[in-house]
């Protein structure tokens, strides 16, 4: 009887050890094997509503990536919390490459400027690659006499706060653009906040305001209609989208500022899988049809690979926090 009990005990012990060993192997196995990835459809999360610029960009990129990966890349909209709902969702998913997200400057800015917005855990993502970078363009109402950005600087220095600068809201991208320019040139404007890009642009087109600092896509229609005059762009060099607009640098103004968007996946996603996602993104961005559609939409493609984009995003977080502190807009202080 004792031998039988001891035998049963030993068998149970071996079973436990066997299960423990299997479990340990499972834990230490790679989450996703690059040779098998992808074996099913992939989610691309857009943390804003359908129909916006980021949504359009994501859907166009998803089509090209699907061709390269051999699996569907399905765009999923998860709006809410000024983008935080969707990005938190991406961060919480299994790091296996089957959930990607559109990450943008807005997510960094709003954590410092919008109450109740949770901070972005910059280390909670693998920053796969930048897709586009849209620099700020200074434009004015067409009835004003300004011909260059330098003209605006000269007038603003002689007339502090006389120029009304429309923005998309306190602490938003347009405000950040304008304040960065003002800081670089030693000028002061009177900021007029609106609830978003479109209301701000529409107001200026109606003569309610003097100048604004926005990305090209936001003012493309107004420029074409002759309602705005573009005076300069906050970029290192002229864009092929609007080669006629000179840079601030050409006009002796040291100011570069932009909004950007890129692909991110949960932290811990295997590097081999990240490489496959990156290759698919580059394949999509090199497609001539996609290039033409993005150009027509006014989106400035600027690819940046994993390591460089990771450093860039972390640096942007530090720069934006410092900028918000300087303006007294950091709600966390």
C-alpha atoms as a PDB file:
ATOM      1  CA  UNK A   1       0.000   0.000   0.000  1.00  0.00           C
ATOM      2  CA  UNK A   2       2.836   2.362   0.911  1.00  0.00           C
ATOM      3  CA  UNK A   3       4.707   1.457  -2.295  1.00  0.00           C
ATOM      4  CA  UNK A   4       1.567   2.162  -4.314  1.00  0.00           C
ATOM      5  CA  UNK A   5       1.102   5.566  -2.619  1.00  0.00           C
ATOM      6  CA  UNK A   6       4.762   6.432  -3.170  1.00  0.00           C
ATOM      7  CA  UNK A   7       4.467   5.429  -6.845  1.00  0.00           C
ATOM      8  CA  UNK A   8       1.388   7.643  -7.318  1.00  0.00           C
ATOM      9  CA  UNK A   9       3.168  10.515  -5.586  1.00  0.00           C
ATOM     10  CA  UNK A  10       6.187  10.120  -7.878  1.00  0.00           C
ATOM     11  CA  UNK A  11       3.992  10.015 -10.980  1.00  0.00           C
ATOM     12  CA  UNK A  12       2.161  13.180  -9.912  1.00  0.00           C
ATOM     13  CA  UNK A  13       5.519  14.859  -9.257  1.00  0.00           C
ATOM     14  CA  UNK A  14       6.786  13.953 -12.719  1.00  0.00           C
ATOM     15  CA  UNK A  15       3.590  15.253 -14.317  1.00  0.00           C
ATOM     16  CA  UNK A  16       3.926  18.572 -12.458  1.00  0.00           C
ATOM     17  CA  UNK A  17       7.567  18.889 -13.498  1.00  0.00           C
ATOM     18  CA  UNK A  18       6.630  18.072 -17.108  1.00  0.00           C
ATOM     19  CA  UNK A  19       3.874  20.693 -17.175  1.00  0.00           C
ATOM     20  CA  UNK A  20       6.191  23.254 -15.587  1.00  0.00           C
ATOM     21  CA  UNK A  21       8.822  22.556 -18.225  1.00  0.00           C
ATOM     22  CA  UNK A  22       6.271  22.943 -21.045  1.00  0.00           C
ATOM     23  CA  UNK A  23       5.039  26.183 -19.510  1.00  0.00           C
ATOM     24  CA  UNK A  24       8.565  27.525 -19.261  1.00  0.00           C
ATOM     25  CA  UNK A  25       9.201  26.713 -22.899  1.00  0.00           C
ATOM     26  CA  UNK A  26       6.001  28.520 -23.885  1.00  0.00           C
ATOM     27  CA  UNK A  27       6.977  31.613 -21.912  1.00  0.00           C
ATOM     28  CA  UNK A  28      10.441  31.712 -23.443  1.00  0.00           C
ATOM     29  CA  UNK A  29       9.310  31.051 -27.006  1.00  0.00           C
ATOM     30  CA  UNK A  30       9.125  34.080 -29.299  1.00  0.00           C
ATOM     31  CA  UNK A  31       5.640  35.591 -29.388  1.00  0.00           C
ATOM     32  CA  UNK A  32       5.655  35.633 -33.151  1.00  0.00           C
ATOM     33  CA  UNK A  33       7.845  33.761 -35.600  1.00  0.00           C
ATOM     34  CA  UNK A  34       8.900  36.047 -38.463  1.00  0.00           C
ATOM     35  CA  UNK A  35       8.849  33.060 -40.841  1.00  0.00           C
ATOM     36  CA  UNK A  36       5.164  32.496 -40.113  1.00  0.00           C
ATOM     37  CA  UNK A  37       4.172  36.151 -39.632  1.00  0.00           C
ATOM     38  CA  UNK A  38       1.632  37.160 -40.682  1.00  0.00           C
ATOM     39  CA  UNK A  39      -0.662  34.173 -40.733  1.00  0.00           C
ATOM     40  CA  UNK A  40      -3.897  36.166 -40.298  1.00  0.00           C
ATOM     41  CA  UNK A  41      -5.300  39.676 -40.717  1.00  0.00           C
ATOM     42  CA  UNK A  42      -3.738  42.628 -38.894  1.00  0.00           C
ATOM     43  CA  UNK A  43      -5.474  45.527 -37.128  1.00  0.00           C
ATOM     44  CA  UNK A  44      -4.353  49.086 -37.858  1.00  0.00           C
ATOM     45  CA  UNK A  45      -5.900  51.279 -35.161  1.00  0.00           C
ATOM     46  CA  UNK A  46      -6.732  54.912 -35.901  1.00  0.00           C
ATOM     47  CA  UNK A  47      -7.429  56.708 -32.606  1.00  0.00           C
ATOM     48  CA  UNK A  48      -9.775  59.222 -34.256  1.00  0.00           C
ATOM     49  CA  UNK A  49     -13.066  59.181 -36.156  1.00  0.00           C
ATOM     50  CA  UNK A  50     -13.385  57.991 -39.767  1.00  0.00           C
ATOM     51  CA  UNK A  51     -13.068  60.603 -42.484  1.00  0.00           C
ATOM     52  CA  UNK A  52     -10.164  62.645 -41.121  1.00  0.00           C
ATOM     53  CA  UNK A  53      -6.659  63.026 -42.522  1.00  0.00           C
ATOM     54  CA  UNK A  54      -5.143  60.283 -40.343  1.00  0.00           C
ATOM     55  CA  UNK A  55      -7.955  57.912 -41.282  1.00  0.00           C
ATOM     56  CA  UNK A  56      -7.381  58.583 -44.996  1.00  0.00           C
ATOM     57  CA  UNK A  57      -3.634  58.091 -44.598  1.00  0.00           C
ATOM     58  CA  UNK A  58      -4.111  54.836 -42.671  1.00  0.00           C
ATOM     59  CA  UNK A  59      -6.500  53.376 -45.247  1.00  0.00           C
ATOM     60  CA  UNK A  60      -4.220  54.176 -48.177  1.00  0.00           C
ATOM     61  CA  UNK A  61      -1.167  52.773 -46.400  1.00  0.00           C
ATOM     62  CA  UNK A  62      -3.112  49.666 -45.289  1.00  0.00           C
ATOM     63  CA  UNK A  63      -3.921  48.796 -48.903  1.00  0.00           C
ATOM     64  CA  UNK A  64      -0.273  48.847 -49.920  1.00  0.00           C
ATOM     65  CA  UNK A  65       0.899  46.958 -46.839  1.00  0.00           C
ATOM     66  CA  UNK A  66      -1.681  44.218 -47.435  1.00  0.00           C
ATOM     67  CA  UNK A  67      -0.160  43.510 -50.839  1.00  0.00           C
ATOM     68  CA  UNK A  68       3.313  43.072 -49.391  1.00  0.00           C
ATOM     69  CA  UNK A  69       2.296  41.082 -46.309  1.00  0.00           C
ATOM     70  CA  UNK A  70      -0.147  38.794 -48.090  1.00  0.00           C
ATOM     71  CA  UNK A  71      -2.750  39.371 -45.382  1.00  0.00           C
ATOM     72  CA  UNK A  72      -5.442  42.018 -44.908  1.00  0.00           C
ATOM     73  CA  UNK A  73      -4.515  45.095 -42.893  1.00  0.00           C
ATOM     74  CA  UNK A  74      -7.860  46.210 -41.478  1.00  0.00           C
ATOM     75  CA  UNK A  75      -8.314  49.794 -40.282  1.00  0.00           C
ATOM     76  CA  UNK A  76     -10.143  50.009 -36.953  1.00  0.00           C
ATOM     77  CA  UNK A  77     -11.311  53.402 -35.644  1.00  0.00           C
ATOM     78  CA  UNK A  78     -11.188  53.782 -31.851  1.00  0.00           C
ATOM     79  CA  UNK A  79     -11.822  57.469 -31.106  1.00  0.00           C
ATOM     80  CA  UNK A  80     -12.139  59.051 -27.677  1.00  0.00           C
ATOM     81  CA  UNK A  81     -10.047  60.861 -25.110  1.00  0.00           C
ATOM     82  CA  UNK A  82      -8.448  63.011 -27.828  1.00  0.00           C
ATOM     83  CA  UNK A  83      -6.755  59.932 -29.244  1.00  0.00           C
ATOM     84  CA  UNK A  84      -5.844  58.293 -25.941  1.00  0.00           C
ATOM     85  CA  UNK A  85      -8.475  55.526 -26.123  1.00  0.00           C
ATOM     86  CA  UNK A  86      -7.105  54.075 -29.356  1.00  0.00           C
ATOM     87  CA  UNK A  87      -3.449  54.403 -28.432  1.00  0.00           C
ATOM     88  CA  UNK A  88      -3.988  52.834 -25.003  1.00  0.00           C
ATOM     89  CA  UNK A  89      -5.761  49.966 -26.763  1.00  0.00           C
ATOM     90  CA  UNK A  90      -2.724  49.389 -28.990  1.00  0.00           C
ATOM     91  CA  UNK A  91      -0.403  49.486 -26.000  1.00  0.00           C
ATOM     92  CA  UNK A  92      -2.488  46.893 -24.139  1.00  0.00           C
ATOM     93  CA  UNK A  93      -2.534  44.337 -26.952  1.00  0.00           C
ATOM     94  CA  UNK A  94      -0.324  41.279 -27.248  1.00  0.00           C
ATOM     95  CA  UNK A  95       3.056  42.255 -28.785  1.00  0.00           C
ATOM     96  CA  UNK A  96       2.801  39.871 -31.715  1.00  0.00           C
ATOM     97  CA  UNK A  97       2.523  42.254 -34.670  1.00  0.00           C
ATOM     98  CA  UNK A  98      -1.214  41.761 -35.194  1.00  0.00           C
ATOM     99  CA  UNK A  99      -2.137  45.158 -33.732  1.00  0.00           C
ATOM    100  CA  UNK A 100      -0.585  48.346 -35.085  1.00  0.00           C
ATOM    101  CA  UNK A 101      -1.533  51.936 -34.360  1.00  0.00           C
ATOM    102  CA  UNK A 102      -1.262  55.363 -35.935  1.00  0.00           C
ATOM    103  CA  UNK A 103       0.781  57.497 -33.527  1.00  0.00           C
ATOM    104  CA  UNK A 104       1.003  61.269 -33.948  1.00  0.00           C
ATOM    105  CA  UNK A 105       2.324  64.526 -32.506  1.00  0.00           C
ATOM    106  CA  UNK A 106      -1.155  65.340 -31.231  1.00  0.00           C
ATOM    107  CA  UNK A 107      -0.950  62.549 -28.660  1.00  0.00           C
ATOM    108  CA  UNK A 108       2.182  64.064 -27.145  1.00  0.00           C
ATOM    109  CA  UNK A 109       0.874  67.646 -27.178  1.00  0.00           C
ATOM    110  CA  UNK A 110      -2.525  66.973 -25.609  1.00  0.00           C
ATOM    111  CA  UNK A 111      -1.105  65.188 -22.548  1.00  0.00           C
ATOM    112  CA  UNK A 112       0.381  68.536 -21.525  1.00  0.00           C
ATOM    113  CA  UNK A 113      -2.421  70.858 -22.647  1.00  0.00           C
ATOM    114  CA  UNK A 114      -5.787  69.118 -22.328  1.00  0.00           C
ATOM    115  CA  UNK A 115      -7.191  68.325 -18.833  1.00  0.00           C
ATOM    116  CA  UNK A 116      -8.011  64.678 -18.059  1.00  0.00           C
ATOM    117  CA  UNK A 117      -5.806  63.414 -20.903  1.00  0.00           C
ATOM    118  CA  UNK A 118      -3.628  60.553 -19.627  1.00  0.00           C
ATOM    119  CA  UNK A 119       0.116  60.889 -20.257  1.00  0.00           C
ATOM    120  CA  UNK A 120       1.607  59.001 -23.185  1.00  0.00           C
ATOM    121  CA  UNK A 121       3.870  56.161 -22.114  1.00  0.00           C
ATOM    122  CA  UNK A 122       6.558  56.761 -24.726  1.00  0.00           C
ATOM    123  CA  UNK A 123       8.289  53.520 -23.733  1.00  0.00           C
ATOM    124  CA  UNK A 124       5.078  51.527 -24.124  1.00  0.00           C
ATOM    125  CA  UNK A 125       5.462  51.346 -27.900  1.00  0.00           C
ATOM    126  CA  UNK A 126       7.895  50.257 -30.540  1.00  0.00           C
ATOM    127  CA  UNK A 127       8.025  53.267 -32.881  1.00  0.00           C
ATOM    128  CA  UNK A 128       8.156  51.325 -36.150  1.00  0.00           C
ATOM    129  CA  UNK A 129       8.523  54.167 -38.674  1.00  0.00           C
ATOM    130  CA  UNK A 130       7.455  57.703 -39.487  1.00  0.00           C
ATOM    131  CA  UNK A 131       5.081  58.012 -42.436  1.00  0.00           C
ATOM    132  CA  UNK A 132       4.648  61.730 -42.962  1.00  0.00           C
ATOM    133  CA  UNK A 133       5.909  65.035 -41.663  1.00  0.00           C
ATOM    134  CA  UNK A 134       3.882  68.173 -42.366  1.00  0.00           C
ATOM    135  CA  UNK A 135       5.671  71.423 -41.517  1.00  0.00           C
ATOM    136  CA  UNK A 136       3.864  74.578 -40.481  1.00  0.00           C
ATOM    137  CA  UNK A 137       3.065  77.120 -43.177  1.00  0.00           C
ATOM    138  CA  UNK A 138       2.613  80.786 -42.343  1.00  0.00           C
ATOM    139  CA  UNK A 139      -0.184  82.296 -44.394  1.00  0.00           C
ATOM    140  CA  UNK A 140      -2.150  85.528 -44.277  1.00  0.00           C
ATOM    141  CA  UNK A 141      -5.547  86.808 -45.352  1.00  0.00           C
ATOM    142  CA  UNK A 142      -5.254  87.721 -49.013  1.00  0.00           C
ATOM    143  CA  UNK A 143      -6.216  91.396 -48.552  1.00  0.00           C
ATOM    144  CA  UNK A 144      -3.212  92.081 -46.323  1.00  0.00           C
ATOM    145  CA  UNK A 145      -0.012  93.470 -47.857  1.00  0.00           C
ATOM    146  CA  UNK A 146       2.416  90.831 -46.545  1.00  0.00           C
ATOM    147  CA  UNK A 147       4.441  89.078 -49.260  1.00  0.00           C
ATOM    148  CA  UNK A 148       6.969  87.182 -47.134  1.00  0.00           C
ATOM    149  CA  UNK A 149       7.427  85.825 -43.620  1.00  0.00           C
ATOM    150  CA  UNK A 150      10.051  88.505 -43.093  1.00  0.00           C
ATOM    151  CA  UNK A 151       7.344  91.136 -43.743  1.00  0.00           C
ATOM    152  CA  UNK A 152       5.282  89.658 -40.895  1.00  0.00           C
ATOM    153  CA  UNK A 153       8.276  89.701 -38.561  1.00  0.00           C
ATOM    154  CA  UNK A 154       9.048  93.347 -39.358  1.00  0.00           C
ATOM    155  CA  UNK A 155       5.439  94.424 -38.778  1.00  0.00           C
ATOM    156  CA  UNK A 156       5.028  92.356 -35.597  1.00  0.00           C
ATOM    157  CA  UNK A 157       8.188  93.764 -34.044  1.00  0.00           C
ATOM    158  CA  UNK A 158       6.963  97.319 -34.651  1.00  0.00           C
ATOM    159  CA  UNK A 159       3.420  96.468 -33.561  1.00  0.00           C
ATOM    160  CA  UNK A 160       3.509  93.881 -30.734  1.00  0.00           C
ATOM    161  CA  UNK A 161       0.300  91.806 -30.434  1.00  0.00           C
ATOM    162  CA  UNK A 162      -1.481  93.787 -33.144  1.00  0.00           C
ATOM    163  CA  UNK A 163      -1.618  90.837 -35.519  1.00  0.00           C
ATOM    164  CA  UNK A 164      -4.419  88.388 -34.784  1.00  0.00           C
ATOM    165  CA  UNK A 165      -3.255  84.817 -35.210  1.00  0.00           C
ATOM    166  CA  UNK A 166      -5.994  82.205 -35.547  1.00  0.00           C
ATOM    167  CA  UNK A 167      -5.318  78.845 -33.874  1.00  0.00           C
ATOM    168  CA  UNK A 168      -7.089  75.514 -33.500  1.00  0.00           C
ATOM    169  CA  UNK A 169      -7.237  75.973 -29.720  1.00  0.00           C
ATOM    170  CA  UNK A 170      -5.058  76.772 -26.733  1.00  0.00           C
ATOM    171  CA  UNK A 171      -2.078  74.414 -26.673  1.00  0.00           C
ATOM    172  CA  UNK A 172      -3.021  72.780 -29.973  1.00  0.00           C
ATOM    173  CA  UNK A 173      -0.779  72.304 -32.993  1.00  0.00           C
ATOM    174  CA  UNK A 174      -1.524  75.676 -34.577  1.00  0.00           C
ATOM    175  CA  UNK A 175      -0.835  77.452 -31.282  1.00  0.00           C
ATOM    176  CA  UNK A 176       2.421  75.508 -30.932  1.00  0.00           C
ATOM    177  CA  UNK A 177       3.431  76.428 -34.486  1.00  0.00           C
ATOM    178  CA  UNK A 178       2.723  80.120 -33.980  1.00  0.00           C
ATOM    179  CA  UNK A 179       4.364  80.342 -30.557  1.00  0.00           C
ATOM    180  CA  UNK A 180       7.459  78.547 -31.848  1.00  0.00           C
ATOM    181  CA  UNK A 181       7.730  81.096 -34.661  1.00  0.00           C
ATOM    182  CA  UNK A 182       7.156  83.994 -32.248  1.00  0.00           C
ATOM    183  CA  UNK A 183       9.830  82.655 -29.905  1.00  0.00           C
ATOM    184  CA  UNK A 184      12.312  82.249 -32.779  1.00  0.00           C
ATOM    185  CA  UNK A 185      11.728  85.747 -34.135  1.00  0.00           C
ATOM    186  CA  UNK A 186      11.161  87.749 -30.942  1.00  0.00           C
ATOM    187  CA  UNK A 187       7.634  88.708 -31.958  1.00  0.00           C
ATOM    188  CA  UNK A 188       4.255  88.685 -30.204  1.00  0.00           C
ATOM    189  CA  UNK A 189       0.814  87.900 -31.593  1.00  0.00           C
ATOM    190  CA  UNK A 190      -2.706  87.975 -30.216  1.00  0.00           C
ATOM    191  CA  UNK A 191      -3.895  84.367 -30.386  1.00  0.00           C
ATOM    192  CA  UNK A 192      -7.515  83.742 -31.316  1.00  0.00           C
ATOM    193  CA  UNK A 193      -8.471  80.141 -30.452  1.00  0.00           C
ATOM    194  CA  UNK A 194     -11.097  78.166 -32.382  1.00  0.00           C
ATOM    195  CA  UNK A 195     -12.399  74.656 -31.890  1.00  0.00           C
ATOM    196  CA  UNK A 196     -10.239  72.838 -34.417  1.00  0.00           C
ATOM    197  CA  UNK A 197      -8.382  73.396 -37.683  1.00  0.00           C
ATOM    198  CA  UNK A 198     -11.405  73.858 -39.952  1.00  0.00           C
ATOM    199  CA  UNK A 199     -13.157  76.612 -37.924  1.00  0.00           C
ATOM    200  CA  UNK A 200      -9.850  78.463 -37.567  1.00  0.00           C
ATOM    201  CA  UNK A 201      -9.147  78.348 -41.306  1.00  0.00           C
ATOM    202  CA  UNK A 202     -12.716  79.203 -42.285  1.00  0.00           C
ATOM    203  CA  UNK A 203     -12.709  82.254 -40.002  1.00  0.00           C
ATOM    204  CA  UNK A 204      -9.495  83.587 -41.524  1.00  0.00           C
ATOM    205  CA  UNK A 205     -10.841  83.050 -45.047  1.00  0.00           C
ATOM    206  CA  UNK A 206     -13.752  85.297 -44.057  1.00  0.00           C
ATOM    207  CA  UNK A 207     -11.415  88.053 -42.889  1.00  0.00           C
ATOM    208  CA  UNK A 208     -11.724  87.230 -39.183  1.00  0.00           C
ATOM    209  CA  UNK A 209      -8.044  87.328 -38.275  1.00  0.00           C
ATOM    210  CA  UNK A 210      -4.762  88.179 -39.975  1.00  0.00           C
ATOM    211  CA  UNK A 211      -2.464  85.169 -40.059  1.00  0.00           C
ATOM    212  CA  UNK A 212      -2.241  81.493 -39.177  1.00  0.00           C
ATOM    213  CA  UNK A 213       0.307  78.677 -38.956  1.00  0.00           C
ATOM    214  CA  UNK A 214      -1.065  75.367 -40.233  1.00  0.00           C
ATOM    215  CA  UNK A 215      -0.101  72.325 -42.276  1.00  0.00           C
ATOM    216  CA  UNK A 216      -0.593  72.473 -46.032  1.00  0.00           C
ATOM    217  CA  UNK A 217      -3.556  70.114 -46.167  1.00  0.00           C
ATOM    218  CA  UNK A 218      -5.585  72.433 -43.905  1.00  0.00           C
ATOM    219  CA  UNK A 219      -5.201  75.456 -46.205  1.00  0.00           C
ATOM    220  CA  UNK A 220      -4.743  73.838 -49.636  1.00  0.00           C
ATOM    221  CA  UNK A 221      -8.268  74.724 -50.789  1.00  0.00           C
ATOM    222  CA  UNK A 222      -8.021  78.309 -49.520  1.00  0.00           C
ATOM    223  CA  UNK A 223      -4.670  78.834 -51.229  1.00  0.00           C
ATOM    224  CA  UNK A 224      -6.093  77.518 -54.503  1.00  0.00           C
ATOM    225  CA  UNK A 225      -9.149  79.755 -54.104  1.00  0.00           C
ATOM    226  CA  UNK A 226      -6.942  82.801 -53.534  1.00  0.00           C
ATOM    227  CA  UNK A 227      -8.250  83.435 -50.018  1.00  0.00           C
ATOM    228  CA  UNK A 228      -4.835  82.956 -48.394  1.00  0.00           C
ATOM    229  CA  UNK A 229      -1.296  83.917 -49.337  1.00  0.00           C
ATOM    230  CA  UNK A 230       1.431  81.507 -48.245  1.00  0.00           C
ATOM    231  CA  UNK A 231       4.474  83.361 -46.893  1.00  0.00           C
ATOM    232  CA  UNK A 232       6.857  80.643 -45.743  1.00  0.00           C
ATOM    233  CA  UNK A 233       7.244  77.093 -44.486  1.00  0.00           C
ATOM    234  CA  UNK A 234       8.966  75.887 -41.296  1.00  0.00           C
ATOM    235  CA  UNK A 235      11.079  73.192 -42.976  1.00  0.00           C
ATOM    236  CA  UNK A 236      14.712  72.513 -43.838  1.00  0.00           C
ATOM    237  CA  UNK A 237      13.947  72.595 -47.553  1.00  0.00           C
ATOM    238  CA  UNK A 238      11.100  73.288 -49.951  1.00  0.00           C
ATOM    239  CA  UNK A 239       8.498  70.582 -50.466  1.00  0.00           C
ATOM    240  CA  UNK A 240       7.700  69.001 -53.829  1.00  0.00           C
ATOM    241  CA  UNK A 241       4.034  69.463 -52.866  1.00  0.00           C
ATOM    242  CA  UNK A 242       4.387  73.239 -52.846  1.00  0.00           C
ATOM    243  CA  UNK A 243       7.789  74.152 -54.314  1.00  0.00           C
ATOM    244  CA  UNK A 244       6.740  77.788 -54.780  1.00  0.00           C
ATOM    245  CA  UNK A 245       6.575  78.387 -50.999  1.00  0.00           C
ATOM    246  CA  UNK A 246       9.996  79.444 -49.628  1.00  0.00           C
ATOM    247  CA  UNK A 247      11.307  78.138 -46.331  1.00  0.00           C
ATOM    248  CA  UNK A 248      11.738  80.401 -43.310  1.00  0.00           C
ATOM    249  CA  UNK A 249      15.433  79.524 -43.487  1.00  0.00           C
ATOM    250  CA  UNK A 250      15.673  81.132 -46.929  1.00  0.00           C
ATOM    251  CA  UNK A 251      14.285  84.305 -45.365  1.00  0.00           C
ATOM    252  CA  UNK A 252      16.798  84.356 -42.529  1.00  0.00           C
ATOM    253  CA  UNK A 253      14.438  82.872 -39.937  1.00  0.00           C
ATOM    254  CA  UNK A 254      15.647  79.879 -37.915  1.00  0.00           C
ATOM    255  CA  UNK A 255      12.384  78.024 -37.224  1.00  0.00           C
ATOM    256  CA  UNK A 256      11.390  74.434 -38.003  1.00  0.00           C
ATOM    257  CA  UNK A 257       8.240  72.880 -36.567  1.00  0.00           C
ATOM    258  CA  UNK A 258       5.813  70.252 -37.884  1.00  0.00           C
ATOM    259  CA  UNK A 259       3.221  67.610 -37.157  1.00  0.00           C
ATOM    260  CA  UNK A 260       4.005  63.987 -37.942  1.00  0.00           C
ATOM    261  CA  UNK A 261       2.415  60.547 -37.958  1.00  0.00           C
ATOM    262  CA  UNK A 262       3.845  57.072 -37.890  1.00  0.00           C
ATOM    263  CA  UNK A 263       3.258  53.402 -37.149  1.00  0.00           C
ATOM    264  CA  UNK A 264       3.632  51.943 -33.685  1.00  0.00           C
ATOM    265  CA  UNK A 265       3.190  48.492 -32.130  1.00  0.00           C
ATOM    266  CA  UNK A 266       3.113  47.306 -28.490  1.00  0.00           C
ATOM    267  CA  UNK A 267       6.420  47.264 -26.640  1.00  0.00           C
ATOM    268  CA  UNK A 268       8.090  43.868 -26.823  1.00  0.00           C
ATOM    269  CA  UNK A 269       7.062  43.042 -30.384  1.00  0.00           C
ATOM    270  CA  UNK A 270       9.908  40.909 -31.842  1.00  0.00           C
ATOM    271  CA  UNK A 271      12.387  42.861 -33.949  1.00  0.00           C
ATOM    272  CA  UNK A 272      11.983  40.382 -36.812  1.00  0.00           C
ATOM    273  CA  UNK A 273       8.257  41.197 -36.947  1.00  0.00           C
ATOM    274  CA  UNK A 274       8.935  44.939 -36.758  1.00  0.00           C
ATOM    275  CA  UNK A 275      11.268  44.520 -39.736  1.00  0.00           C
ATOM    276  CA  UNK A 276       8.504  42.853 -41.757  1.00  0.00           C
ATOM    277  CA  UNK A 277       6.032  45.620 -40.894  1.00  0.00           C
ATOM    278  CA  UNK A 278       8.609  48.246 -41.800  1.00  0.00           C
ATOM    279  CA  UNK A 279       9.329  46.563 -45.153  1.00  0.00           C
ATOM    280  CA  UNK A 280       5.597  46.491 -45.927  1.00  0.00           C
ATOM    281  CA  UNK A 281       5.248  50.171 -45.063  1.00  0.00           C
ATOM    282  CA  UNK A 282       8.159  51.142 -47.311  1.00  0.00           C
ATOM    283  CA  UNK A 283       6.656  49.040 -50.093  1.00  0.00           C
ATOM    284  CA  UNK A 284       3.366  50.925 -49.717  1.00  0.00           C
ATOM    285  CA  UNK A 285       5.004  54.366 -49.658  1.00  0.00           C
ATOM    286  CA  UNK A 286       7.008  53.616 -52.798  1.00  0.00           C
ATOM    287  CA  UNK A 287       3.865  52.822 -54.796  1.00  0.00           C
ATOM    288  CA  UNK A 288       3.380  55.540 -57.442  1.00  0.00           C
ATOM    289  CA  UNK A 289      -0.423  55.465 -57.239  1.00  0.00           C
ATOM    290  CA  UNK A 290      -0.329  55.882 -53.463  1.00  0.00           C
ATOM    291  CA  UNK A 291       2.213  58.696 -53.765  1.00  0.00           C
ATOM    292  CA  UNK A 292      -0.066  60.528 -56.190  1.00  0.00           C
ATOM    293  CA  UNK A 293      -3.120  60.125 -53.965  1.00  0.00           C
ATOM    294  CA  UNK A 294      -1.250  61.381 -50.892  1.00  0.00           C
ATOM    295  CA  UNK A 295       0.132  64.332 -52.847  1.00  0.00           C
ATOM    296  CA  UNK A 296      -3.354  65.209 -54.088  1.00  0.00           C
ATOM    297  CA  UNK A 297      -4.522  65.112 -50.469  1.00  0.00           C
ATOM    298  CA  UNK A 298      -1.695  67.473 -49.495  1.00  0.00           C
ATOM    299  CA  UNK A 299       0.095  64.939 -47.269  1.00  0.00           C
ATOM    300  CA  UNK A 300       3.880  65.231 -47.197  1.00  0.00           C
ATOM    301  CA  UNK A 301       5.437  61.735 -47.129  1.00  0.00           C
ATOM    302  CA  UNK A 302       8.597  61.498 -45.044  1.00  0.00           C
ATOM    303  CA  UNK A 303       9.662  57.992 -44.160  1.00  0.00           C
ATOM    304  CA  UNK A 304      11.913  57.532 -41.117  1.00  0.00           C
ATOM    305  CA  UNK A 305      13.099  54.045 -40.004  1.00  0.00           C
ATOM    306  CA  UNK A 306      12.695  52.392 -36.608  1.00  0.00           C
ATOM    307  CA  UNK A 307      15.814  53.463 -34.689  1.00  0.00           C
ATOM    308  CA  UNK A 308      15.789  57.020 -35.980  1.00  0.00           C
ATOM    309  CA  UNK A 309      12.038  57.416 -35.438  1.00  0.00           C
ATOM    310  CA  UNK A 310      12.298  56.061 -31.881  1.00  0.00           C
ATOM    311  CA  UNK A 311      14.921  58.662 -31.002  1.00  0.00           C
ATOM    312  CA  UNK A 312      12.971  61.376 -32.796  1.00  0.00           C
ATOM    313  CA  UNK A 313       9.695  60.643 -30.955  1.00  0.00           C
ATOM    314  CA  UNK A 314      11.367  60.640 -27.527  1.00  0.00           C
ATOM    315  CA  UNK A 315      13.116  63.911 -28.347  1.00  0.00           C
ATOM    316  CA  UNK A 316       9.839  65.440 -29.541  1.00  0.00           C
ATOM    317  CA  UNK A 317       8.230  64.573 -26.205  1.00  0.00           C
ATOM    318  CA  UNK A 318      10.994  66.418 -24.341  1.00  0.00           C
ATOM    319  CA  UNK A 319      10.852  69.412 -26.689  1.00  0.00           C
ATOM    320  CA  UNK A 320       7.077  69.723 -26.475  1.00  0.00           C
ATOM    321  CA  UNK A 321       7.061  69.427 -22.689  1.00  0.00           C
ATOM    322  CA  UNK A 322       9.723  72.133 -22.458  1.00  0.00           C
ATOM    323  CA  UNK A 323       7.772  74.310 -24.879  1.00  0.00           C
ATOM    324  CA  UNK A 324       4.541  73.927 -22.882  1.00  0.00           C
ATOM    325  CA  UNK A 325       6.399  74.789 -19.681  1.00  0.00           C
ATOM    326  CA  UNK A 326       7.812  77.919 -21.266  1.00  0.00           C
ATOM    327  CA  UNK A 327       4.356  79.060 -22.389  1.00  0.00           C
ATOM    328  CA  UNK A 328       2.826  78.216 -19.022  1.00  0.00           C
ATOM    329  CA  UNK A 329       0.447  75.801 -20.742  1.00  0.00           C
ATOM    330  CA  UNK A 330       1.599  72.561 -19.100  1.00  0.00           C
ATOM    331  CA  UNK A 331      -1.424  71.527 -17.042  1.00  0.00           C
ATOM    332  CA  UNK A 332       0.705  68.986 -15.164  1.00  0.00           C
ATOM    333  CA  UNK A 333       2.797  71.700 -13.507  1.00  0.00           C
END
